[in-house]
Amino acid sequence: MKTPQPSHLAFVPFVSVSNMMKLVHHIGIERFLADLADYIESDFRRWPEFEKTPRLAAHSPVGVIELMPTSDKTLYGFKYVNGHPKNMREGLQTVTAFGLLAEMDSGYPVLLSEMTILTALRTAATSAMVARVLAPEGADTMALIGNGAQSEFQALAMKALCGIRKLRLYDIDPEATSKFIRNMKGLGFELYPCKTPEEAIEGAQIITTCTADKQYATILTDNMVGAGVHINAIGGDCPGKTELHPDILKRADVFVEYPPQTRIEGEIQQMPADFPVTEFWQVLAGTAPGRSNARQITLFDGVGFAIEDFAALRYVRHRLHDTTYYEPLDMIADPDDPRDLFGMLQRSRS
C-alpha cells in the first residue's frame, strides 16, 4: 500500500513504534539523522513563518507532561511528551511521546505517529545541526557526559553531521557507560570510558551533557571548561533542572531555540531575565554571528522546541511514500452527508 497524501480520507496514517523502527532501518540510522537535521534546519530558516508558544506543561513533584504545538500556513503539528526521571528506577522510559500533523485548510489530521523514538532522533539531529555551525573547525572528539537513553543518538548524529570519531564517556552509573559501549561497538568510533567528568572532557572539542535527574546539578564547573570548545547542553530541559555552573554561561556565547521557553527550562533559568542569548535561527539567517574565533566558547542551551518536532513529523510523512510502514487508523468520521453525523451513528447499528 502507498502512503495516502490527499486530505479528506476516512483514515489517518499511523506510525507505530514497530513501524518507526522499520522505517529507520529502511533508511539507515545515520542517513535518517542527517536527513532529519536538514529538515529541521530548513524549518529554522523559515522561523518567522511559524506560530510559536512555550510548551504547555503540567508539572508534578516527579515529572512533567507537556503539549508542544506549532503551525505554519499549511500544517499544524503538536507533540504530547512526558519527562519522568524516576521512571528509570521502575523499569519505565523517562520520556514517551506521540505527535500529530494536520492540514490548516481543513483541520483534518494527515499523520499520527509515535514520537518516543522520533524525539530521541530529532533531539540528536538538532544538536548536530547546531554543532556543525558552532563547533570548532576540524572537531573530531566529543565528551559525552550522561550515557543514558539519548546518548547513542547524540553520538551517531555528531558522527554523521560533524565527523566526530572519538568519544570520551562518563556516567555516574558505570552500567550506563557499559551499555553505551556495547551498543556502539563496530559503528566507527574510538571509545574511551572515563572515571570522572574532568577526565572525559580532556581533549574534547565538543562537550555534550545529557543527564536525566530533575535537579539543579553542576555537571561542569567553570574551571573545567577551556577556551574554544562547543558545549551541547541538552539535559536541562525543565524548571528546576540544570547541568552547568552559572559562571560557564557568563563566559560563553549562548545560543537557544526560543528564549521565552528556554528562560523557563534551560540552563539560562539560573541567570537574570535580561541575560543575553542568540536565537539560533538568526545565525542561519545571517542576521547574528555564530562562531567567530578559535578561542570562543559556544554553548547551545537546547531544551527542545515544537518546530523541531514539526520538522520531524514532516520528514516521516515524506519518507512513508512507497512503504508499508504505517497502519490506517479509523479516527475520522466520514458520513455520506457531512450534516448527518447522527444518521451515520444510527446506521452503524445495522
Protein backbone atom coordinates (compact mmCIF):
# COMPACT_ATOMS: atom_id res chain seq x y z
CA MET A 1 0.00 0.00 0.00
CA LYS A 2 1.16 3.53 -0.74
CA THR A 3 1.16 6.40 1.68
CA PRO A 4 -2.06 8.39 1.26
CA GLN A 5 -1.21 12.01 0.51
CA PRO A 6 -4.56 13.66 -0.31
CA SER A 7 -6.53 15.00 2.63
CA HIS A 8 -10.14 14.23 3.48
CA LEU A 9 -9.61 10.47 3.73
CA ALA A 10 -11.57 8.26 6.10
CA PHE A 11 -8.44 7.16 7.88
CA VAL A 12 -5.18 8.65 9.16
CA PRO A 13 -1.77 7.03 8.58
CA PHE A 14 -0.48 5.89 11.97
CA VAL A 15 3.20 5.07 12.54
CA SER A 16 3.59 2.70 15.46
CA VAL A 17 6.79 2.11 17.41
CA SER A 18 7.34 -1.07 15.40
CA ASN A 19 6.90 0.70 12.08
CA MET A 20 9.06 3.64 13.14
CA MET A 21 11.90 1.23 13.85
CA LYS A 22 11.36 -0.42 10.45
CA LEU A 23 11.42 2.97 8.74
CA VAL A 24 14.66 3.97 10.49
CA HIS A 25 16.37 0.73 9.48
CA HIS A 26 14.98 1.00 5.95
CA ILE A 27 16.62 4.43 5.57
CA GLY A 28 19.67 3.76 7.78
CA ILE A 29 20.03 5.49 11.12
CA GLU A 30 22.86 7.87 10.16
CA ARG A 31 21.13 8.80 6.89
CA PHE A 32 17.89 9.28 8.84
CA LEU A 33 19.65 11.62 11.30
CA ALA A 34 21.37 13.60 8.54
CA ASP A 35 18.18 13.99 6.52
CA LEU A 36 16.21 14.90 9.63
CA ALA A 37 18.77 17.57 10.52
CA ASP A 38 18.30 19.07 7.05
CA TYR A 39 14.52 19.21 7.57
CA ILE A 40 14.98 20.87 10.96
CA GLU A 41 17.44 23.39 9.53
CA SER A 42 15.04 24.13 6.68
CA ASP A 43 12.25 24.93 9.14
CA PHE A 44 14.59 27.00 11.33
CA ARG A 45 15.45 29.07 8.25
CA ARG A 46 11.77 29.99 7.90
CA TRP A 47 11.31 30.56 11.64
CA PRO A 48 9.23 33.78 11.31
CA GLU A 49 6.55 31.85 9.40
CA PHE A 50 5.63 29.75 12.46
CA GLU A 51 3.19 30.35 15.28
CA LYS A 52 5.24 29.90 18.45
CA THR A 53 4.49 29.45 22.12
CA PRO A 54 6.33 27.91 25.08
CA ARG A 55 5.20 24.36 25.63
CA LEU A 56 2.16 23.85 27.84
CA ALA A 57 3.35 21.96 30.89
CA ALA A 58 1.64 20.13 33.74
CA HIS A 59 4.22 19.61 36.48
CA SER A 60 4.21 17.17 39.37
CA PRO A 61 6.85 16.53 42.04
CA VAL A 62 8.18 13.59 40.00
CA GLY A 63 7.90 14.78 36.41
CA VAL A 64 6.12 16.75 33.74
CA ILE A 65 3.60 16.21 30.93
CA GLU A 66 3.81 18.67 28.06
CA LEU A 67 1.99 19.66 24.89
CA MET A 68 4.15 21.27 22.18
CA PRO A 69 2.13 22.93 19.37
CA THR A 70 3.16 24.98 16.34
CA SER A 71 1.90 25.75 12.85
CA ASP A 72 2.82 27.42 9.59
CA LYS A 73 0.37 28.49 6.89
CA THR A 74 -0.09 24.92 5.68
CA LEU A 75 0.25 22.45 8.54
CA TYR A 76 -0.44 22.30 12.26
CA GLY A 77 1.54 19.98 14.49
CA PHE A 78 1.77 19.04 18.11
CA LYS A 79 3.62 16.60 20.33
CA TYR A 80 2.49 15.11 23.62
CA VAL A 81 5.53 14.22 25.72
CA ASN A 82 6.36 13.41 29.33
CA GLY A 83 9.57 13.62 31.31
CA HIS A 84 9.75 11.46 34.44
CA PRO A 85 13.32 10.70 35.55
CA LYS A 86 12.08 8.42 38.34
CA ASN A 87 10.61 6.08 35.71
CA MET A 88 14.04 4.59 35.01
CA ARG A 89 14.16 3.14 38.55
CA GLU A 90 10.83 1.44 37.85
CA GLY A 91 11.86 -0.07 34.52
CA LEU A 92 9.94 2.55 32.51
CA GLN A 93 11.04 5.05 29.88
CA THR A 94 11.90 8.52 31.16
CA VAL A 95 10.34 10.02 28.03
CA THR A 96 7.37 8.82 25.96
CA ALA A 97 5.68 10.79 23.21
CA PHE A 98 3.34 10.86 20.24
CA GLY A 99 2.64 13.55 17.67
CA LEU A 100 0.17 14.65 15.01
CA LEU A 101 0.17 16.69 11.81
CA ALA A 102 -3.00 18.27 10.42
CA GLU A 103 -3.94 20.44 7.46
CA MET A 104 -4.58 24.09 8.29
CA ASP A 105 -7.15 24.41 5.48
CA SER A 106 -9.42 21.56 6.57
CA GLY A 107 -8.33 20.77 10.13
CA TYR A 108 -8.07 17.12 9.12
CA PRO A 109 -5.18 15.12 10.60
CA VAL A 110 -2.80 13.68 8.00
CA LEU A 111 -0.36 11.78 10.25
CA LEU A 112 -0.32 10.32 13.75
CA SER A 113 2.98 8.92 14.93
CA GLU A 114 4.83 7.55 17.90
CA MET A 115 7.46 10.07 18.98
CA THR A 116 9.40 8.33 21.74
CA ILE A 117 11.98 7.09 19.24
CA LEU A 118 11.43 10.06 16.95
CA THR A 119 12.08 12.54 19.78
CA ALA A 120 15.42 10.89 20.52
CA LEU A 121 16.30 11.13 16.83
CA ARG A 122 15.19 14.76 16.44
CA THR A 123 16.96 15.82 19.64
CA ALA A 124 20.21 14.35 18.37
CA ALA A 125 19.69 15.75 14.87
CA THR A 126 19.10 19.22 16.32
CA SER A 127 22.25 19.02 18.46
CA ALA A 128 24.36 18.03 15.46
CA MET A 129 22.69 20.57 13.18
CA VAL A 130 23.72 23.31 15.64
CA ALA A 131 27.19 21.85 16.21
CA ARG A 132 28.09 21.77 12.53
CA VAL A 133 27.66 25.56 12.58
CA LEU A 134 29.09 26.40 16.02
CA ALA A 135 31.68 23.73 16.83
CA PRO A 136 35.36 24.45 16.19
CA GLU A 137 36.59 23.53 12.73
CA GLY A 138 38.07 20.05 12.49
CA ALA A 139 36.49 18.78 15.71
CA ASP A 140 36.79 15.01 15.96
CA THR A 141 36.41 14.33 19.71
CA MET A 142 33.33 14.65 21.88
CA ALA A 143 32.94 14.23 25.62
CA LEU A 144 29.59 12.60 26.34
CA ILE A 145 28.57 13.14 29.95
CA GLY A 146 25.45 11.14 30.64
CA ASN A 147 25.30 7.80 28.83
CA GLY A 148 21.59 7.07 29.09
CA ALA A 149 18.82 6.66 26.54
CA GLN A 150 19.74 9.72 24.46
CA SER A 151 23.49 9.17 24.31
CA GLU A 152 23.83 6.79 21.35
CA PHE A 153 21.62 9.00 19.20
CA GLN A 154 23.76 12.03 20.05
CA ALA A 155 26.94 10.18 19.16
CA LEU A 156 25.67 8.93 15.80
CA ALA A 157 24.26 12.32 14.83
CA MET A 158 27.57 14.03 15.66
CA LYS A 159 29.37 11.41 13.58
CA ALA A 160 27.02 11.76 10.62
CA LEU A 161 26.96 15.57 10.54
CA CYS A 162 30.19 16.71 12.21
CA GLY A 163 32.68 13.90 11.66
CA ILE A 164 33.09 13.00 15.34
CA ARG A 165 35.02 9.74 15.69
CA LYS A 166 36.41 9.80 19.26
CA LEU A 167 34.08 9.62 22.24
CA ARG A 168 35.11 10.21 25.84
CA LEU A 169 32.43 8.78 28.09
CA TYR A 170 31.30 9.40 31.65
CA ASP A 171 28.20 8.50 33.61
CA ILE A 172 27.63 8.38 37.34
CA ASP A 173 26.38 4.82 36.71
CA PRO A 174 29.14 2.69 35.13
CA GLU A 175 26.48 0.31 33.79
CA ALA A 176 25.17 3.09 31.56
CA THR A 177 28.63 3.54 30.06
CA SER A 178 28.98 -0.23 29.58
CA LYS A 179 25.62 -0.27 27.80
CA PHE A 180 26.74 2.56 25.53
CA ILE A 181 29.99 0.77 24.64
CA ARG A 182 28.09 -2.44 23.80
CA ASN A 183 25.73 -0.53 21.53
CA MET A 184 28.41 1.49 19.75
CA LYS A 185 30.96 -1.23 19.05
CA GLY A 186 31.56 -1.64 15.35
CA LEU A 187 29.97 1.70 14.43
CA GLY A 188 33.18 3.56 13.64
CA PHE A 189 34.08 5.18 16.99
CA GLU A 190 37.09 5.17 19.25
CA LEU A 191 35.58 4.77 22.74
CA TYR A 192 37.25 5.98 25.92
CA PRO A 193 35.37 5.28 29.19
CA CYS A 194 36.37 7.77 31.88
CA LYS A 195 36.12 7.78 35.67
CA THR A 196 35.32 11.48 36.13
CA PRO A 197 33.78 14.33 34.11
CA GLU A 198 37.16 16.07 34.30
CA GLU A 199 38.83 13.13 32.59
CA ALA A 200 36.08 12.92 29.99
CA ILE A 201 36.47 16.48 28.73
CA GLU A 202 40.25 16.25 28.23
CA GLY A 203 40.99 16.95 24.57
CA ALA A 204 37.32 17.20 23.58
CA GLN A 205 36.28 19.98 21.21
CA ILE A 206 32.58 19.26 21.79
CA ILE A 207 31.13 18.58 25.25
CA THR A 208 27.62 17.10 25.39
CA THR A 209 25.79 16.94 28.71
CA CYS A 210 22.61 14.83 28.73
CA THR A 211 21.84 13.73 32.27
CA ALA A 212 18.34 12.89 33.45
CA ASP A 213 17.92 13.81 37.12
CA LYS A 214 15.46 16.63 37.79
CA GLN A 215 17.63 18.81 40.00
CA TYR A 216 19.93 21.80 39.97
CA ALA A 217 23.13 19.91 39.22
CA THR A 218 26.65 21.04 38.41
CA ILE A 219 27.98 18.57 35.87
CA LEU A 220 30.50 21.11 34.60
CA THR A 221 32.19 23.83 36.64
CA ASP A 222 33.81 26.93 35.21
CA ASN A 223 37.40 25.78 35.76
CA MET A 224 36.74 22.59 33.75
CA VAL A 225 35.88 24.41 30.52
CA GLY A 226 38.77 25.63 28.38
CA ALA A 227 38.73 28.11 25.52
CA GLY A 228 37.46 27.17 22.09
CA VAL A 229 35.03 24.36 22.96
CA HIS A 230 31.41 23.95 21.93
CA ILE A 231 29.08 22.84 24.74
CA ASN A 232 25.92 20.99 23.77
CA ALA A 233 23.83 21.26 26.96
CA ILE A 234 20.62 19.31 26.45
CA GLY A 235 19.89 17.79 29.87
CA GLY A 236 18.45 20.92 31.47
CA ASP A 237 15.00 20.87 29.90
CA CYS A 238 12.51 21.78 32.59
CA PRO A 239 12.22 24.18 35.54
CA GLY A 240 14.49 23.16 38.39
CA LYS A 241 16.80 21.06 36.19
CA THR A 242 20.24 22.32 35.13
CA GLU A 243 23.70 20.87 34.48
CA LEU A 244 26.14 23.79 34.24
CA HIS A 245 27.63 26.22 36.75
CA PRO A 246 26.36 29.76 36.03
CA ASP A 247 29.91 31.06 35.59
CA ILE A 248 30.23 28.96 32.41
CA LEU A 249 27.26 30.80 30.95
CA LYS A 250 28.88 34.13 31.71
CA ARG A 251 31.99 33.17 29.70
CA ALA A 252 30.17 31.61 26.76
CA ASP A 253 28.18 32.88 23.81
CA VAL A 254 24.83 31.21 24.45
CA PHE A 255 22.55 30.07 21.62
CA VAL A 256 18.95 28.97 22.17
CA GLU A 257 15.88 27.86 20.28
CA TYR A 258 13.03 30.03 21.65
CA PRO A 259 14.01 32.37 24.51
CA PRO A 260 10.58 32.54 26.24
CA GLN A 261 10.75 28.76 26.69
CA THR A 262 14.49 28.42 27.37
CA ARG A 263 14.45 31.09 30.10
CA ILE A 264 11.96 28.88 31.98
CA GLU A 265 13.53 25.48 31.32
CA GLY A 266 17.11 25.76 30.13
CA GLU A 267 20.47 26.47 31.70
CA ILE A 268 19.68 30.19 31.48
CA GLN A 269 16.89 29.80 34.06
CA GLN A 270 19.75 30.38 36.52
CA MET A 271 20.51 33.77 35.00
CA PRO A 272 18.84 37.22 35.13
CA ALA A 273 15.86 37.73 32.83
CA ASP A 274 17.90 40.03 30.59
CA PHE A 275 20.86 37.65 30.22
CA PRO A 276 21.94 37.95 26.57
CA VAL A 277 21.34 35.00 24.23
CA THR A 278 21.22 34.49 20.47
CA GLU A 279 18.35 32.68 18.77
CA PHE A 280 19.99 30.05 16.59
CA TRP A 281 17.70 30.63 13.63
CA GLN A 282 19.21 34.10 13.35
CA VAL A 283 22.65 32.57 12.80
CA LEU A 284 21.27 30.50 9.93
CA ALA A 285 19.56 33.59 8.53
CA GLY A 286 22.81 35.54 8.66
CA THR A 287 21.43 38.21 11.00
CA ALA A 288 23.50 37.15 14.04
CA PRO A 289 27.07 35.86 14.36
CA GLY A 290 27.90 32.27 15.25
CA ARG A 291 31.48 31.16 15.96
CA SER A 292 33.87 33.99 15.18
CA ASN A 293 37.23 32.85 16.58
CA ALA A 294 39.14 29.81 17.78
CA ARG A 295 39.05 30.72 21.48
CA GLN A 296 35.33 31.43 21.66
CA ILE A 297 33.20 29.18 23.88
CA THR A 298 29.86 28.47 22.21
CA LEU A 299 27.03 26.93 24.20
CA PHE A 300 23.81 25.51 22.80
CA ASP A 301 21.21 25.59 25.58
CA GLY A 302 18.91 23.07 23.91
CA VAL A 303 15.57 22.30 25.57
CA GLY A 304 13.70 21.05 22.51
CA PHE A 305 11.13 23.14 20.68
CA ALA A 306 7.94 22.37 18.76
CA ILE A 307 9.32 23.39 15.36
CA GLU A 308 11.84 20.54 15.63
CA ASP A 309 9.00 18.06 16.20
CA PHE A 310 7.04 19.63 13.35
CA ALA A 311 10.03 19.11 11.04
CA ALA A 312 10.44 15.51 12.26
CA LEU A 313 6.80 14.72 11.52
CA ARG A 314 7.11 16.32 8.09
CA TYR A 315 10.14 14.17 7.38
CA VAL A 316 8.43 10.96 8.47
CA ARG A 317 5.36 11.77 6.39
CA HIS A 318 7.52 12.34 3.34
CA ARG A 319 9.54 9.14 3.84
CA LEU A 320 6.40 6.99 4.16
CA HIS A 321 5.98 7.26 0.39
CA ASP A 322 6.03 3.84 -1.24
CA THR A 323 6.46 1.99 2.04
CA THR A 324 4.18 -0.15 4.17
CA TYR A 325 5.44 1.28 7.45
CA TYR A 326 2.11 2.65 8.67
CA GLU A 327 -1.36 1.47 9.60
CA PRO A 328 -4.65 3.08 8.54
CA LEU A 329 -6.25 4.47 11.70
CA ASP A 330 -10.02 4.88 11.73
CA MET A 331 -10.35 8.19 13.58
CA ILE A 332 -12.23 10.46 11.16
CA ALA A 333 -15.99 10.26 10.91
CA ASP A 334 -16.98 10.07 7.23
CA PRO A 335 -20.77 10.28 6.79
CA ASP A 336 -22.21 10.32 3.28
CA ASP A 337 -23.78 13.65 4.15
CA PRO A 338 -21.50 15.86 6.31
CA ARG A 339 -24.62 17.21 8.05
CA ASP A 340 -25.85 13.75 9.04
CA LEU A 341 -23.42 12.54 11.70
CA PHE A 342 -26.29 11.21 13.79
CA GLY A 343 -27.65 9.21 10.86
CA MET A 344 -24.23 7.64 10.39
CA LEU A 345 -24.25 6.62 14.07
CA GLN A 346 -27.70 5.12 13.78
CA ARG A 347 -26.94 3.21 10.59
CA SER A 348 -23.93 1.62 12.28
CA ARG A 349 -26.35 -0.49 14.34
CA SER A 350 -27.45 -2.48 11.31
